N, C-alpha and C. Protein backbone atom coordinates (compact mmCIF):
# COMPACT_ATOMS: atom_id res chain seq x y z
N MET A 1 -65.03 -40.74 -35.11
CA MET A 1 -64.93 -41.98 -35.81
C MET A 1 -63.64 -41.97 -36.63
N VAL A 2 -62.86 -43.00 -36.49
CA VAL A 2 -61.61 -43.14 -37.22
C VAL A 2 -61.89 -43.87 -38.53
N LYS A 3 -61.38 -43.34 -39.63
CA LYS A 3 -61.55 -44.01 -40.91
C LYS A 3 -60.41 -45.00 -41.09
N ALA A 4 -60.73 -46.16 -41.66
CA ALA A 4 -59.73 -47.21 -41.85
C ALA A 4 -60.08 -48.02 -43.09
N VAL A 5 -59.13 -48.84 -43.53
CA VAL A 5 -59.35 -49.73 -44.66
C VAL A 5 -58.87 -51.12 -44.28
N VAL A 6 -59.40 -52.11 -44.99
CA VAL A 6 -58.92 -53.48 -44.82
C VAL A 6 -57.78 -53.68 -45.81
N SER A 7 -56.63 -54.12 -45.31
CA SER A 7 -55.46 -54.34 -46.14
C SER A 7 -54.81 -55.65 -45.71
N ARG A 8 -54.78 -56.61 -46.63
CA ARG A 8 -54.20 -57.93 -46.35
C ARG A 8 -54.80 -58.57 -45.11
N GLY A 9 -56.11 -58.42 -44.97
CA GLY A 9 -56.80 -59.05 -43.86
C GLY A 9 -56.71 -58.32 -42.54
N GLU A 10 -56.07 -57.16 -42.50
CA GLU A 10 -55.97 -56.37 -41.27
C GLU A 10 -56.64 -55.02 -41.47
N ILE A 11 -57.14 -54.47 -40.39
CA ILE A 11 -57.75 -53.14 -40.43
C ILE A 11 -56.65 -52.12 -40.16
N ARG A 12 -56.47 -51.21 -41.10
CA ARG A 12 -55.42 -50.20 -41.00
C ARG A 12 -56.05 -48.80 -40.97
N PRO A 13 -55.78 -48.04 -39.91
CA PRO A 13 -56.34 -46.69 -39.82
C PRO A 13 -55.74 -45.77 -40.89
N LEU A 14 -56.56 -44.84 -41.36
CA LEU A 14 -56.12 -43.86 -42.34
C LEU A 14 -55.76 -42.52 -41.70
N GLU A 15 -55.90 -42.45 -40.40
CA GLU A 15 -55.61 -41.22 -39.67
C GLU A 15 -55.12 -41.60 -38.27
N PRO A 16 -54.53 -40.65 -37.55
CA PRO A 16 -54.04 -40.97 -36.20
C PRO A 16 -55.17 -41.43 -35.28
N LEU A 17 -54.85 -42.34 -34.39
CA LEU A 17 -55.82 -42.83 -33.41
C LEU A 17 -55.97 -41.81 -32.28
N PRO A 18 -57.14 -41.72 -31.68
CA PRO A 18 -57.32 -40.82 -30.53
C PRO A 18 -56.34 -41.16 -29.41
N ALA A 19 -55.87 -40.14 -28.75
CA ALA A 19 -54.86 -40.31 -27.70
C ALA A 19 -55.36 -41.15 -26.53
N ASP A 20 -56.66 -41.15 -26.28
CA ASP A 20 -57.17 -41.88 -25.12
C ASP A 20 -57.43 -43.37 -25.41
N TRP A 21 -57.17 -43.83 -26.62
CA TRP A 21 -57.32 -45.26 -26.92
C TRP A 21 -56.13 -46.01 -26.35
N GLN A 22 -56.41 -47.13 -25.67
CA GLN A 22 -55.38 -47.92 -25.01
C GLN A 22 -55.07 -49.18 -25.83
N GLU A 23 -53.86 -49.66 -25.74
CA GLU A 23 -53.45 -50.91 -26.38
C GLU A 23 -54.34 -52.04 -25.86
N GLY A 24 -54.88 -52.83 -26.75
CA GLY A 24 -55.73 -53.95 -26.37
C GLY A 24 -57.19 -53.59 -26.14
N GLN A 25 -57.52 -52.31 -26.24
CA GLN A 25 -58.90 -51.87 -26.03
C GLN A 25 -59.79 -52.41 -27.14
N GLN A 26 -60.97 -52.87 -26.79
CA GLN A 26 -61.90 -53.37 -27.79
C GLN A 26 -62.56 -52.21 -28.50
N LEU A 27 -62.76 -52.39 -29.81
CA LEU A 27 -63.40 -51.37 -30.63
C LEU A 27 -64.53 -52.00 -31.42
N ARG A 28 -65.45 -51.20 -31.86
CA ARG A 28 -66.51 -51.66 -32.75
C ARG A 28 -66.17 -51.14 -34.15
N VAL A 29 -66.10 -52.05 -35.11
CA VAL A 29 -65.76 -51.69 -36.48
C VAL A 29 -66.96 -52.01 -37.35
N GLU A 30 -67.37 -51.05 -38.16
CA GLU A 30 -68.50 -51.24 -39.05
C GLU A 30 -68.10 -50.88 -40.47
N LYS A 31 -68.71 -51.54 -41.43
CA LYS A 31 -68.46 -51.23 -42.83
C LYS A 31 -69.05 -49.85 -43.13
N ALA A 32 -68.26 -49.02 -43.78
CA ALA A 32 -68.71 -47.67 -44.12
C ALA A 32 -69.57 -47.70 -45.37
N ASP A 33 -70.55 -46.80 -45.42
CA ASP A 33 -71.32 -46.63 -46.65
C ASP A 33 -70.40 -45.99 -47.68
N ASP A 34 -70.54 -46.40 -48.91
CA ASP A 34 -69.67 -45.89 -49.96
C ASP A 34 -69.88 -44.40 -50.19
N GLY A 35 -68.97 -43.60 -49.65
CA GLY A 35 -68.95 -42.17 -49.92
C GLY A 35 -69.97 -41.33 -49.19
N GLU A 36 -70.83 -41.92 -48.40
CA GLU A 36 -71.83 -41.14 -47.70
C GLU A 36 -71.40 -40.88 -46.27
N THR A 37 -71.45 -39.63 -45.87
CA THR A 37 -71.11 -39.25 -44.51
C THR A 37 -72.37 -39.34 -43.66
N PRO A 38 -72.29 -40.01 -42.51
CA PRO A 38 -73.47 -40.11 -41.64
C PRO A 38 -73.98 -38.73 -41.23
N LEU A 39 -75.29 -38.57 -41.15
CA LEU A 39 -75.89 -37.29 -40.79
C LEU A 39 -75.41 -36.81 -39.43
N GLU A 40 -75.19 -37.75 -38.50
CA GLU A 40 -74.72 -37.36 -37.17
C GLU A 40 -73.36 -36.67 -37.26
N GLU A 41 -72.51 -37.18 -38.12
CA GLU A 41 -71.18 -36.60 -38.28
C GLU A 41 -71.28 -35.20 -38.91
N ILE A 42 -72.14 -35.04 -39.88
CA ILE A 42 -72.33 -33.73 -40.52
C ILE A 42 -72.88 -32.74 -39.50
N ASP A 43 -73.90 -33.16 -38.74
CA ASP A 43 -74.47 -32.28 -37.71
C ASP A 43 -73.43 -31.88 -36.68
N ARG A 44 -72.60 -32.84 -36.25
CA ARG A 44 -71.56 -32.55 -35.26
C ARG A 44 -70.58 -31.53 -35.81
N ASP A 45 -70.15 -31.73 -37.07
CA ASP A 45 -69.19 -30.80 -37.68
C ASP A 45 -69.76 -29.40 -37.80
N PHE A 46 -71.03 -29.28 -38.19
CA PHE A 46 -71.64 -27.96 -38.30
C PHE A 46 -71.82 -27.31 -36.94
N ALA A 47 -72.09 -28.10 -35.91
CA ALA A 47 -72.20 -27.55 -34.55
C ALA A 47 -70.86 -26.99 -34.10
N VAL A 48 -69.79 -27.70 -34.38
CA VAL A 48 -68.44 -27.21 -34.04
C VAL A 48 -68.15 -25.93 -34.80
N LEU A 49 -68.47 -25.91 -36.08
CA LEU A 49 -68.23 -24.73 -36.91
C LEU A 49 -69.04 -23.53 -36.39
N ALA A 50 -70.29 -23.76 -36.03
CA ALA A 50 -71.13 -22.67 -35.50
C ALA A 50 -70.54 -22.11 -34.22
N THR A 51 -70.03 -22.98 -33.35
CA THR A 51 -69.42 -22.53 -32.10
C THR A 51 -68.18 -21.69 -32.39
N LEU A 52 -67.36 -22.13 -33.33
CA LEU A 52 -66.16 -21.38 -33.68
C LEU A 52 -66.52 -20.01 -34.25
N CYS A 53 -67.53 -19.96 -35.09
CA CYS A 53 -67.94 -18.70 -35.71
C CYS A 53 -68.51 -17.73 -34.67
N GLU A 54 -69.24 -18.24 -33.69
CA GLU A 54 -69.83 -17.39 -32.66
C GLU A 54 -68.76 -16.69 -31.84
N THR A 55 -67.64 -17.35 -31.63
CA THR A 55 -66.61 -16.81 -30.74
C THR A 55 -65.52 -16.06 -31.48
N SER A 56 -65.64 -15.90 -32.80
CA SER A 56 -64.57 -15.21 -33.53
C SER A 56 -64.67 -13.71 -33.33
N GLU A 57 -63.53 -13.08 -33.33
CA GLU A 57 -63.43 -11.63 -33.17
C GLU A 57 -63.30 -10.99 -34.55
N PRO A 58 -63.82 -9.77 -34.72
CA PRO A 58 -63.69 -9.09 -36.01
C PRO A 58 -62.23 -8.98 -36.48
N ALA A 59 -61.31 -8.75 -35.57
CA ALA A 59 -59.90 -8.66 -35.95
C ALA A 59 -59.40 -9.99 -36.51
N ASP A 60 -59.88 -11.11 -35.93
CA ASP A 60 -59.50 -12.42 -36.43
C ASP A 60 -60.03 -12.64 -37.84
N GLU A 61 -61.28 -12.20 -38.07
CA GLU A 61 -61.88 -12.32 -39.40
C GLU A 61 -61.07 -11.52 -40.43
N GLU A 62 -60.67 -10.32 -40.07
CA GLU A 62 -59.87 -9.48 -40.97
C GLU A 62 -58.52 -10.12 -41.26
N GLN A 63 -57.89 -10.66 -40.24
CA GLN A 63 -56.60 -11.32 -40.41
C GLN A 63 -56.74 -12.53 -41.33
N LEU A 64 -57.80 -13.30 -41.15
CA LEU A 64 -58.05 -14.46 -42.00
C LEU A 64 -58.25 -14.03 -43.45
N GLU A 65 -59.03 -12.97 -43.67
CA GLU A 65 -59.28 -12.49 -45.03
C GLU A 65 -57.99 -12.03 -45.69
N ARG A 66 -57.14 -11.32 -44.95
CA ARG A 66 -55.84 -10.88 -45.51
C ARG A 66 -54.98 -12.09 -45.86
N ALA A 67 -54.96 -13.10 -45.00
CA ALA A 67 -54.16 -14.30 -45.27
C ALA A 67 -54.67 -15.04 -46.50
N LEU A 68 -55.99 -15.12 -46.65
CA LEU A 68 -56.56 -15.77 -47.84
C LEU A 68 -56.22 -15.00 -49.11
N GLN A 69 -56.31 -13.69 -49.07
CA GLN A 69 -55.96 -12.87 -50.23
C GLN A 69 -54.49 -13.06 -50.61
N GLU A 70 -53.61 -13.10 -49.62
CA GLU A 70 -52.19 -13.30 -49.88
C GLU A 70 -51.93 -14.68 -50.46
N ALA A 71 -52.62 -15.69 -49.94
CA ALA A 71 -52.46 -17.05 -50.47
C ALA A 71 -52.91 -17.11 -51.92
N ARG A 72 -54.01 -16.45 -52.25
CA ARG A 72 -54.47 -16.42 -53.65
C ARG A 72 -53.46 -15.72 -54.55
N ARG A 73 -52.93 -14.59 -54.06
CA ARG A 73 -51.93 -13.85 -54.84
C ARG A 73 -50.71 -14.71 -55.12
N GLN A 74 -50.22 -15.40 -54.09
CA GLN A 74 -49.05 -16.26 -54.25
C GLN A 74 -49.33 -17.42 -55.21
N ALA A 75 -50.52 -17.99 -55.11
CA ALA A 75 -50.86 -19.11 -56.00
C ALA A 75 -50.91 -18.66 -57.45
N LYS A 76 -51.50 -17.49 -57.72
CA LYS A 76 -51.56 -16.96 -59.08
C LYS A 76 -50.15 -16.68 -59.60
N GLU A 77 -49.32 -16.11 -58.76
CA GLU A 77 -47.94 -15.80 -59.15
C GLU A 77 -47.19 -17.09 -59.49
N GLN A 78 -47.37 -18.11 -58.69
CA GLN A 78 -46.68 -19.38 -58.93
C GLN A 78 -47.15 -20.02 -60.24
N VAL A 79 -48.44 -19.95 -60.53
CA VAL A 79 -48.96 -20.51 -61.79
C VAL A 79 -48.40 -19.73 -62.97
N ARG A 80 -48.35 -18.41 -62.85
CA ARG A 80 -47.78 -17.60 -63.94
C ARG A 80 -46.33 -17.96 -64.20
N ARG A 81 -45.56 -18.13 -63.13
CA ARG A 81 -44.14 -18.52 -63.30
C ARG A 81 -44.05 -19.90 -63.96
N HIS A 82 -44.88 -20.83 -63.51
CA HIS A 82 -44.87 -22.19 -64.05
C HIS A 82 -45.22 -22.20 -65.54
N MET A 83 -46.11 -21.31 -65.93
CA MET A 83 -46.54 -21.23 -67.33
C MET A 83 -45.62 -20.34 -68.16
N GLY A 84 -44.62 -19.73 -67.52
CA GLY A 84 -43.68 -18.87 -68.24
C GLY A 84 -44.27 -17.51 -68.57
N LEU A 85 -45.25 -17.07 -67.84
CA LEU A 85 -45.91 -15.78 -68.10
C LEU A 85 -45.35 -14.65 -67.23
N ALA A 86 -44.52 -14.99 -66.28
CA ALA A 86 -44.00 -13.95 -65.38
C ALA A 86 -42.49 -13.97 -65.38
């Protein structure tokens, strides 16, 4: 589902359109609930996440953990510099 807003009477997408959408193709547009994500979308996202987790390799998990630790270290260092503490 593509998220969009109404702007000056036109519907404007907030994200890129799917590549398989053709010019002039008819679409169904519905008003979104304020801030609530449909359960189907949440279920779909968790299913994708579960599939990704099932196929991950231990080496990939370790590499991800090292990258996250390095990102945290860099963020802390940048905040210290910004605050004049380093």
